[in-house]
Amino acid sequence: MAATSKADLLALSEKEFAKLQAALDGIDADLAATPHPDDDITIKDTVLHRVHWIGLFLGWYRDGVAGKTVETPAPGIKWNQLKAYNAKVREETRDVAWPEARKCLEKAHRDLMACLKDIDEKTLYGTGIYDWTNKWTVGRWAESSGPSHYRSATKYIREIVRKTTASR
């Protein structure tokens, strides 16, 4: 169920981030670099993907507030090009060390929470506030880039850990 208020969004963000952090606790650099057997994506890739998408949301919001044109998901990228776009993000972050990836995730979460705390309820959940949000609210975009992404990452990471430890 999607959040429908600022309080719900803040609480959901903290709850899902805590679950993600718990899933990441105890994962060393070797396990973080182990690819998922079905798609070759690592835990580190998954974490840095979430960092990137939080950054995209923050950029969309900042640009929208500034009255700039916002291109979602990214300039020159269409939604049906996400697979290639995300592969490019993985390639660009390949050399980030595991401890740094964790720090980047924590900073991205802090930045997201600070942004959400600064946005008033009407801006978060009003419709038609910005052209770039289309039929979604700013809050729904934030949720898809933050807590929903945390939830899917937690599930994916647990699956990698389960499959990796089962094969040992």
N, C-alpha and C. Protein backbone atom coordinates (compact mmCIF):
# COMPACT_ATOMS: atom_id res chain seq x y z
N MET A 1 0.84 -1.18 0.00
CA MET A 1 0.00 0.00 0.00
C MET A 1 0.89 1.24 0.00
N ALA A 2 0.65 2.13 -0.90
CA ALA A 2 1.46 3.34 -1.03
C ALA A 2 1.13 4.33 0.09
N ALA A 3 2.15 5.05 0.52
CA ALA A 3 1.95 6.10 1.51
C ALA A 3 1.07 7.20 0.91
N THR A 4 0.26 7.81 1.75
CA THR A 4 -0.63 8.87 1.28
C THR A 4 -0.47 10.17 2.07
N SER A 5 0.52 10.19 2.96
CA SER A 5 0.79 11.40 3.73
C SER A 5 2.29 11.50 4.00
N LYS A 6 2.71 12.68 4.35
CA LYS A 6 4.12 12.89 4.66
C LYS A 6 4.56 12.02 5.83
N ALA A 7 3.75 11.96 6.86
CA ALA A 7 4.11 11.15 8.03
C ALA A 7 4.26 9.69 7.64
N ASP A 8 3.32 9.18 6.83
CA ASP A 8 3.40 7.78 6.38
C ASP A 8 4.65 7.55 5.54
N LEU A 9 4.97 8.49 4.65
CA LEU A 9 6.13 8.35 3.77
C LEU A 9 7.42 8.36 4.59
N LEU A 10 7.53 9.25 5.55
CA LEU A 10 8.72 9.29 6.40
C LEU A 10 8.87 7.99 7.19
N ALA A 11 7.77 7.53 7.78
CA ALA A 11 7.82 6.29 8.57
C ALA A 11 8.16 5.09 7.68
N LEU A 12 7.54 5.01 6.51
CA LEU A 12 7.81 3.92 5.59
C LEU A 12 9.26 3.93 5.12
N SER A 13 9.78 5.12 4.85
CA SER A 13 11.17 5.25 4.42
C SER A 13 12.13 4.72 5.48
N GLU A 14 11.90 5.11 6.73
CA GLU A 14 12.77 4.66 7.82
C GLU A 14 12.64 3.15 8.05
N LYS A 15 11.41 2.66 8.00
CA LYS A 15 11.16 1.22 8.21
C LYS A 15 11.86 0.38 7.14
N GLU A 16 11.68 0.73 5.87
CA GLU A 16 12.27 -0.06 4.79
C GLU A 16 13.79 0.09 4.76
N PHE A 17 14.30 1.29 5.12
CA PHE A 17 15.75 1.47 5.16
C PHE A 17 16.35 0.61 6.27
N ALA A 18 15.69 0.54 7.41
CA ALA A 18 16.19 -0.29 8.52
C ALA A 18 16.24 -1.76 8.11
N LYS A 19 15.23 -2.23 7.38
CA LYS A 19 15.23 -3.61 6.90
C LYS A 19 16.39 -3.85 5.92
N LEU A 20 16.61 -2.88 5.04
CA LEU A 20 17.72 -3.00 4.09
C LEU A 20 19.05 -3.03 4.83
N GLN A 21 19.22 -2.13 5.78
CA GLN A 21 20.47 -2.11 6.55
C GLN A 21 20.69 -3.44 7.27
N ALA A 22 19.62 -3.99 7.85
CA ALA A 22 19.73 -5.27 8.54
C ALA A 22 20.15 -6.38 7.56
N ALA A 23 19.60 -6.34 6.34
CA ALA A 23 19.98 -7.34 5.34
C ALA A 23 21.43 -7.19 4.92
N LEU A 24 21.94 -5.98 4.98
CA LEU A 24 23.33 -5.72 4.57
C LEU A 24 24.34 -5.99 5.68
N ASP A 25 23.88 -5.94 6.92
CA ASP A 25 24.79 -6.16 8.04
C ASP A 25 25.41 -7.55 7.93
N GLY A 26 26.71 -7.61 8.07
CA GLY A 26 27.42 -8.87 8.02
C GLY A 26 27.84 -9.30 6.62
N ILE A 27 27.45 -8.54 5.62
CA ILE A 27 27.87 -8.87 4.26
C ILE A 27 29.26 -8.28 4.03
N ASP A 28 30.21 -9.14 3.74
CA ASP A 28 31.57 -8.67 3.49
C ASP A 28 31.76 -8.34 2.01
N ALA A 29 32.92 -7.85 1.69
CA ALA A 29 33.21 -7.41 0.32
C ALA A 29 33.11 -8.56 -0.68
N ASP A 30 33.51 -9.75 -0.27
CA ASP A 30 33.44 -10.89 -1.18
C ASP A 30 31.99 -11.25 -1.52
N LEU A 31 31.16 -11.32 -0.51
CA LEU A 31 29.75 -11.63 -0.75
C LEU A 31 29.07 -10.49 -1.52
N ALA A 32 29.43 -9.26 -1.20
CA ALA A 32 28.86 -8.10 -1.90
C ALA A 32 29.19 -8.12 -3.38
N ALA A 33 30.30 -8.76 -3.74
CA ALA A 33 30.73 -8.83 -5.14
C ALA A 33 30.29 -10.12 -5.84
N THR A 34 29.59 -10.98 -5.12
CA THR A 34 29.12 -12.23 -5.70
C THR A 34 27.87 -11.97 -6.54
N PRO A 35 27.90 -12.34 -7.80
CA PRO A 35 26.74 -12.08 -8.65
C PRO A 35 25.58 -13.03 -8.35
N HIS A 36 24.39 -12.53 -8.52
CA HIS A 36 23.18 -13.34 -8.42
C HIS A 36 23.26 -14.40 -9.52
N PRO A 37 22.97 -15.64 -9.23
CA PRO A 37 23.12 -16.69 -10.24
C PRO A 37 22.21 -16.52 -11.47
N ASP A 38 21.13 -15.77 -11.33
CA ASP A 38 20.19 -15.63 -12.44
C ASP A 38 20.48 -14.45 -13.37
N ASP A 39 21.18 -13.43 -12.86
CA ASP A 39 21.34 -12.24 -13.70
C ASP A 39 22.70 -11.54 -13.59
N ASP A 40 23.59 -12.06 -12.80
CA ASP A 40 24.95 -11.51 -12.69
C ASP A 40 25.02 -10.15 -11.98
N ILE A 41 23.97 -9.73 -11.33
CA ILE A 41 23.98 -8.46 -10.59
C ILE A 41 24.37 -8.76 -9.15
N THR A 42 25.27 -7.96 -8.60
CA THR A 42 25.79 -8.19 -7.25
C THR A 42 25.01 -7.38 -6.22
N ILE A 43 25.26 -7.70 -4.97
CA ILE A 43 24.69 -6.92 -3.87
C ILE A 43 25.20 -5.49 -3.95
N LYS A 44 26.49 -5.32 -4.23
CA LYS A 44 27.04 -3.96 -4.36
C LYS A 44 26.36 -3.21 -5.49
N ASP A 45 26.14 -3.88 -6.63
CA ASP A 45 25.42 -3.25 -7.75
C ASP A 45 24.04 -2.79 -7.30
N THR A 46 23.38 -3.64 -6.54
CA THR A 46 22.02 -3.35 -6.08
C THR A 46 22.01 -2.13 -5.17
N VAL A 47 22.97 -2.06 -4.27
CA VAL A 47 23.07 -0.91 -3.35
C VAL A 47 23.34 0.37 -4.13
N LEU A 48 24.29 0.32 -5.03
CA LEU A 48 24.64 1.54 -5.77
C LEU A 48 23.55 1.96 -6.75
N HIS A 49 22.78 1.00 -7.23
CA HIS A 49 21.61 1.32 -8.05
C HIS A 49 20.62 2.16 -7.24
N ARG A 50 20.38 1.76 -5.99
CA ARG A 50 19.46 2.51 -5.12
C ARG A 50 20.00 3.91 -4.86
N VAL A 51 21.28 4.02 -4.63
CA VAL A 51 21.90 5.33 -4.43
C VAL A 51 21.66 6.21 -5.66
N HIS A 52 21.87 5.66 -6.82
CA HIS A 52 21.71 6.41 -8.06
C HIS A 52 20.29 6.91 -8.23
N TRP A 53 19.31 6.05 -7.97
CA TRP A 53 17.92 6.43 -8.19
C TRP A 53 17.42 7.44 -7.16
N ILE A 54 17.94 7.38 -5.95
CA ILE A 54 17.61 8.44 -4.99
C ILE A 54 18.16 9.76 -5.51
N GLY A 55 19.39 9.73 -6.03
CA GLY A 55 19.97 10.93 -6.63
C GLY A 55 19.14 11.46 -7.78
N LEU A 56 18.60 10.56 -8.61
CA LEU A 56 17.73 11.00 -9.69
C LEU A 56 16.51 11.72 -9.14
N PHE A 57 15.84 11.11 -8.16
CA PHE A 57 14.66 11.75 -7.58
C PHE A 57 15.01 13.14 -7.03
N LEU A 58 16.09 13.23 -6.27
CA LEU A 58 16.47 14.52 -5.69
C LEU A 58 16.73 15.56 -6.78
N GLY A 59 17.34 15.13 -7.87
CA GLY A 59 17.57 16.02 -9.00
C GLY A 59 16.27 16.44 -9.67
N TRP A 60 15.36 15.50 -9.86
CA TRP A 60 14.06 15.83 -10.46
C TRP A 60 13.35 16.88 -9.61
N TYR A 61 13.36 16.64 -8.31
CA TYR A 61 12.65 17.55 -7.41
C TYR A 61 13.31 18.94 -7.43
N ARG A 62 14.62 18.99 -7.27
CA ARG A 62 15.34 20.28 -7.28
C ARG A 62 15.09 21.03 -8.58
N ASP A 63 15.20 20.34 -9.70
CA ASP A 63 14.99 20.99 -10.99
C ASP A 63 13.55 21.44 -11.15
N GLY A 64 12.61 20.64 -10.66
CA GLY A 64 11.20 21.03 -10.73
C GLY A 64 10.92 22.29 -9.93
N VAL A 65 11.49 22.35 -8.72
CA VAL A 65 11.32 23.54 -7.87
C VAL A 65 11.93 24.76 -8.55
N ALA A 66 13.06 24.56 -9.23
CA ALA A 66 13.76 25.67 -9.89
C ALA A 66 13.09 26.07 -11.22
N GLY A 67 12.05 25.34 -11.60
CA GLY A 67 11.36 25.67 -12.84
C GLY A 67 12.05 25.16 -14.10
N LYS A 68 13.02 24.27 -13.90
CA LYS A 68 13.74 23.70 -15.04
C LYS A 68 12.95 22.55 -15.64
N THR A 69 13.27 22.22 -16.87
CA THR A 69 12.68 21.05 -17.51
C THR A 69 13.26 19.80 -16.87
N VAL A 70 12.39 18.89 -16.51
CA VAL A 70 12.81 17.64 -15.88
C VAL A 70 12.53 16.51 -16.86
N GLU A 71 13.57 15.73 -17.14
CA GLU A 71 13.43 14.56 -18.00
C GLU A 71 13.55 13.31 -17.15
N THR A 72 12.47 12.56 -17.06
CA THR A 72 12.53 11.30 -16.33
C THR A 72 12.56 10.16 -17.33
N PRO A 73 13.31 9.12 -17.07
CA PRO A 73 14.10 8.91 -15.88
C PRO A 73 15.42 9.69 -15.86
N ALA A 74 15.98 9.96 -17.03
CA ALA A 74 17.22 10.73 -17.12
C ALA A 74 17.24 11.41 -18.48
N PRO A 75 18.01 12.48 -18.61
CA PRO A 75 18.06 13.18 -19.91
C PRO A 75 18.39 12.23 -21.06
N GLY A 76 17.53 12.24 -22.07
CA GLY A 76 17.75 11.43 -23.26
C GLY A 76 17.40 9.96 -23.11
N ILE A 77 16.91 9.56 -21.94
CA ILE A 77 16.59 8.15 -21.68
C ILE A 77 15.08 7.99 -21.57
N LYS A 78 14.58 6.97 -22.26
CA LYS A 78 13.16 6.64 -22.17
C LYS A 78 12.99 5.48 -21.18
N TRP A 79 11.78 5.37 -20.63
CA TRP A 79 11.53 4.32 -19.64
C TRP A 79 11.78 2.92 -20.21
N ASN A 80 11.57 2.73 -21.50
CA ASN A 80 11.79 1.41 -22.09
C ASN A 80 13.27 1.13 -22.33
N GLN A 81 14.14 2.06 -21.96
CA GLN A 81 15.58 1.88 -22.10
C GLN A 81 16.27 1.64 -20.75
N LEU A 82 15.48 1.35 -19.72
CA LEU A 82 16.04 1.22 -18.38
C LEU A 82 17.06 0.10 -18.23
N LYS A 83 16.84 -1.02 -18.89
CA LYS A 83 17.78 -2.13 -18.76
C LYS A 83 19.19 -1.70 -19.17
N ALA A 84 19.31 -1.06 -20.31
CA ALA A 84 20.62 -0.58 -20.78
C ALA A 84 21.14 0.55 -19.89
N TYR A 85 20.24 1.44 -19.48
CA TYR A 85 20.64 2.56 -18.61
C TYR A 85 21.19 2.03 -17.28
N ASN A 86 20.48 1.08 -16.68
CA ASN A 86 20.94 0.52 -15.41
C ASN A 86 22.25 -0.25 -15.57
N ALA A 87 22.44 -0.90 -16.70
CA ALA A 87 23.72 -1.58 -16.96
C ALA A 87 24.85 -0.56 -17.03
N LYS A 88 24.57 0.59 -17.62
CA LYS A 88 25.58 1.66 -17.68
C LYS A 88 25.90 2.17 -16.28
N VAL A 89 24.89 2.31 -15.45
CA VAL A 89 25.11 2.74 -14.06
C VAL A 89 26.00 1.72 -13.35
N ARG A 90 25.72 0.43 -13.53
CA ARG A 90 26.56 -0.61 -12.90
C ARG A 90 28.00 -0.50 -13.38
N GLU A 91 28.18 -0.28 -14.67
CA GLU A 91 29.53 -0.16 -15.22
C GLU A 91 30.25 1.05 -14.62
N GLU A 92 29.55 2.16 -14.51
CA GLU A 92 30.15 3.39 -13.98
C GLU A 92 30.50 3.29 -12.50
N THR A 93 29.85 2.40 -11.77
CA THR A 93 30.11 2.27 -10.33
C THR A 93 30.90 1.01 -9.98
N ARG A 94 31.36 0.31 -10.99
CA ARG A 94 32.06 -0.96 -10.79
C ARG A 94 33.24 -0.86 -9.81
N ASP A 95 33.97 0.24 -9.85
CA ASP A 95 35.18 0.36 -9.04
C ASP A 95 34.94 0.93 -7.63
N VAL A 96 33.70 1.17 -7.28
CA VAL A 96 33.40 1.66 -5.93
C VAL A 96 33.58 0.50 -4.96
N ALA A 97 34.37 0.73 -3.92
CA ALA A 97 34.62 -0.31 -2.92
C ALA A 97 33.36 -0.53 -2.06
N TRP A 98 33.21 -1.72 -1.51
CA TRP A 98 32.04 -2.08 -0.73
C TRP A 98 31.81 -1.14 0.46
N PRO A 99 32.82 -0.83 1.26
CA PRO A 99 32.56 0.10 2.38
C PRO A 99 32.06 1.46 1.89
N GLU A 100 32.60 1.92 0.76
CA GLU A 100 32.16 3.20 0.19
C GLU A 100 30.72 3.11 -0.32
N ALA A 101 30.35 1.98 -0.89
CA ALA A 101 28.98 1.79 -1.36
C ALA A 101 28.00 1.90 -0.19
N ARG A 102 28.35 1.30 0.94
CA ARG A 102 27.50 1.39 2.14
C ARG A 102 27.38 2.83 2.62
N LYS A 103 28.51 3.55 2.61
CA LYS A 103 28.48 4.96 3.02
C LYS A 103 27.63 5.79 2.08
N CYS A 104 27.74 5.51 0.79
CA CYS A 104 26.93 6.24 -0.21
C CYS A 104 25.44 5.99 0.02
N LEU A 105 25.09 4.76 0.35
CA LEU A 105 23.68 4.44 0.62
C LEU A 105 23.18 5.21 1.84
N GLU A 106 23.97 5.22 2.89
CA GLU A 106 23.56 5.93 4.10
C GLU A 106 23.40 7.42 3.83
N LYS A 107 24.32 8.00 3.06
CA LYS A 107 24.23 9.42 2.73
C LYS A 107 23.00 9.70 1.85
N ALA A 108 22.77 8.83 0.87
CA ALA A 108 21.61 9.02 -0.01
C ALA A 108 20.32 8.98 0.81
N HIS A 109 20.25 8.06 1.75
CA HIS A 109 19.05 7.98 2.60
C HIS A 109 18.90 9.26 3.44
N ARG A 110 19.98 9.71 4.03
CA ARG A 110 19.92 10.96 4.82
C ARG A 110 19.46 12.13 3.94
N ASP A 111 20.00 12.21 2.73
CA ASP A 111 19.62 13.28 1.81
C ASP A 111 18.15 13.19 1.43
N LEU A 112 17.68 11.98 1.17
CA LEU A 112 16.27 11.79 0.84
C LEU A 112 15.38 12.21 2.01
N MET A 113 15.73 11.76 3.20
CA MET A 113 14.92 12.10 4.37
C MET A 113 14.92 13.61 4.63
N ALA A 114 16.06 14.26 4.48
CA ALA A 114 16.12 15.71 4.67
C ALA A 114 15.22 16.42 3.66
N CYS A 115 15.26 15.97 2.43
CA CYS A 115 14.42 16.55 1.37
C CYS A 115 12.95 16.36 1.71
N LEU A 116 12.56 15.15 2.08
CA LEU A 116 11.16 14.86 2.37
C LEU A 116 10.67 15.67 3.57
N LYS A 117 11.52 15.83 4.56
CA LYS A 117 11.13 16.61 5.74
C LYS A 117 10.90 18.08 5.39
N ASP A 118 11.61 18.56 4.37
CA ASP A 118 11.49 19.96 3.96
C ASP A 118 10.29 20.23 3.05
N ILE A 119 9.72 19.19 2.46
CA ILE A 119 8.60 19.38 1.54
C ILE A 119 7.30 19.37 2.33
N ASP A 120 6.45 20.34 2.06
CA ASP A 120 5.17 20.36 2.78
C ASP A 120 4.21 19.31 2.23
N GLU A 121 3.21 19.00 3.02
CA GLU A 121 2.23 17.96 2.68
C GLU A 121 1.57 18.20 1.33
N LYS A 122 1.18 19.42 1.06
CA LYS A 122 0.48 19.74 -0.19
C LYS A 122 1.38 19.46 -1.40
N THR A 123 2.65 19.81 -1.29
CA THR A 123 3.57 19.57 -2.40
C THR A 123 3.84 18.08 -2.57
N LEU A 124 3.92 17.35 -1.46
CA LEU A 124 4.18 15.91 -1.55
C LEU A 124 3.01 15.15 -2.15
N TYR A 125 1.80 15.50 -1.74
CA TYR A 125 0.65 14.68 -2.14
C TYR A 125 -0.43 15.43 -2.92
N GLY A 126 -0.14 16.65 -3.33
CA GLY A 126 -1.05 17.35 -4.21
C GLY A 126 -0.83 16.89 -5.64
N THR A 127 -1.85 16.98 -6.46
CA THR A 127 -1.71 16.59 -7.86
C THR A 127 -1.48 17.82 -8.72
N GLY A 128 -0.77 17.60 -9.82
CA GLY A 128 -0.53 18.68 -10.76
C GLY A 128 0.45 19.74 -10.28
N ILE A 129 1.25 19.43 -9.29
CA ILE A 129 2.21 20.40 -8.75
C ILE A 129 3.31 20.67 -9.77
N TYR A 130 3.84 19.62 -10.37
CA TYR A 130 4.91 19.74 -11.35
C TYR A 130 4.55 18.92 -12.58
N ASP A 131 4.91 19.40 -13.74
CA ASP A 131 4.65 18.66 -14.98
C ASP A 131 5.34 17.30 -14.99
N TRP A 132 6.55 17.23 -14.45
CA TRP A 132 7.33 16.00 -14.53
C TRP A 132 6.72 14.84 -13.75
N THR A 133 5.82 15.13 -12.81
CA THR A 133 5.25 14.05 -12.01
C THR A 133 4.13 13.31 -12.73
N ASN A 134 3.67 13.87 -13.85
CA ASN A 134 2.57 13.25 -14.61
C ASN A 134 1.38 13.00 -13.69
N LYS A 135 0.88 11.78 -13.63
CA LYS A 135 -0.29 11.48 -12.80
C LYS A 135 0.08 11.11 -11.37
N TRP A 136 1.37 10.93 -11.10
CA TRP A 136 1.81 10.59 -9.75
C TRP A 136 2.02 11.86 -8.95
N THR A 137 2.05 11.73 -7.63
CA THR A 137 2.42 12.85 -6.76
C THR A 137 3.92 12.82 -6.53
N VAL A 138 4.46 13.91 -6.04
CA VAL A 138 5.88 13.95 -5.67
C VAL A 138 6.17 12.86 -4.65
N GLY A 139 5.25 12.69 -3.70
CA GLY A 139 5.43 11.66 -2.68
C GLY A 139 5.52 10.26 -3.27
N ARG A 140 4.73 10.00 -4.29
CA ARG A 140 4.77 8.68 -4.93
C ARG A 140 6.09 8.47 -5.66
N TRP A 141 6.59 9.52 -6.31
CA TRP A 141 7.90 9.43 -6.96
C TRP A 141 8.99 9.18 -5.91
N ALA A 142 8.90 9.89 -4.79
CA ALA A 142 9.88 9.70 -3.71
C ALA A 142 9.82 8.27 -3.18
N GLU A 143 8.60 7.76 -3.02
CA GLU A 143 8.44 6.40 -2.51
C GLU A 143 9.03 5.37 -3.47
N SER A 144 8.83 5.58 -4.76
CA SER A 144 9.37 4.62 -5.73
C SER A 144 10.89 4.64 -5.76
N SER A 145 11.47 5.80 -5.48
CA SER A 145 12.94 5.92 -5.50
C SER A 145 13.57 5.57 -4.16
N GLY A 146 12.80 5.62 -3.09
CA GLY A 146 13.32 5.33 -1.75
C GLY A 146 12.78 4.02 -1.20
N PRO A 147 11.72 4.08 -0.38
CA PRO A 147 11.29 2.87 0.33
C PRO A 147 10.90 1.69 -0.56
N SER A 148 10.27 1.92 -1.69
CA SER A 148 9.94 0.80 -2.58
C SER A 148 11.21 0.15 -3.12
N HIS A 149 12.19 0.99 -3.43
CA HIS A 149 13.47 0.47 -3.90
C HIS A 149 14.22 -0.24 -2.77
N TYR A 150 14.11 0.27 -1.55
CA TYR A 150 14.73 -0.41 -0.40
C TYR A 150 14.13 -1.80 -0.24
N ARG A 151 12.80 -1.88 -0.35
CA ARG A 151 12.09 -3.14 -0.16
C ARG A 151 12.54 -4.17 -1.20
N SER A 152 12.59 -3.76 -2.45
CA SER A 152 12.99 -4.70 -3.50
C SER A 152 14.46 -5.10 -3.34
N ALA A 153 15.30 -4.17 -2.91
CA ALA A 153 16.71 -4.49 -2.69
C ALA A 153 16.87 -5.50 -1.56
N THR A 154 16.13 -5.31 -0.49
CA THR A 154 16.19 -6.24 0.65
C THR A 154 15.83 -7.64 0.20
N LYS A 155 14.77 -7.76 -0.56
CA LYS A 155 14.33 -9.07 -1.06
C LYS A 155 15.40 -9.69 -1.95
N TYR A 156 15.95 -8.91 -2.85
CA TYR A 156 16.96 -9.39 -3.79
C TYR A 156 18.22 -9.82 -3.05
N ILE A 157 18.65 -9.03 -2.09
CA ILE A 157 19.86 -9.33 -1.33
C ILE A 157 19.68 -10.62 -0.53
N ARG A 158 18.54 -10.76 0.11
CA ARG A 158 18.28 -11.99 0.87
C ARG A 158 18.31 -13.21 -0.06
N GLU A 159 17.80 -13.04 -1.27
CA GLU A 159 17.81 -14.14 -2.24
C GLU A 159 19.24 -14.50 -2.64
N ILE A 160 20.07 -13.49 -2.89
CA ILE A 160 21.47 -13.76 -3.24
C ILE A 160 22.16 -14.49 -2.09
N VAL A 161 21.96 -14.02 -0.87
CA VAL A 161 22.59 -14.64 0.29
C VAL A 161 22.11 -16.09 0.42
N ARG A 162 20.82 -16.31 0.28
CA ARG A 162 20.26 -17.66 0.41
C ARG A 162 20.83 -18.59 -0.68
N LYS A 163 20.85 -18.12 -1.91
CA LYS A 163 21.34 -18.97 -3.00
C LYS A 163 22.84 -19.20 -2.91
N THR A 164 23.56 -18.19 -2.47
CA THR A 164 25.01 -18.31 -2.36
C THR A 164 25.39 -19.27 -1.23
N THR A 165 24.74 -19.13 -0.09
CA THR A 165 25.08 -20.00 1.04
C THR A 165 24.59 -21.41 0.81
N ALA A 166 23.51 -21.60 0.06
CA ALA A 166 23.00 -22.94 -0.24
C ALA A 166 23.94 -23.70 -1.17
N SER A 167 24.67 -22.97 -2.01
CA SER A 167 25.56 -23.62 -2.97
C SER A 167 26.95 -23.89 -2.39
N ARG A 168 27.18 -23.48 -1.17
CA ARG A 168 28.50 -23.70 -0.55
C ARG A 168 28.56 -25.01 0.18
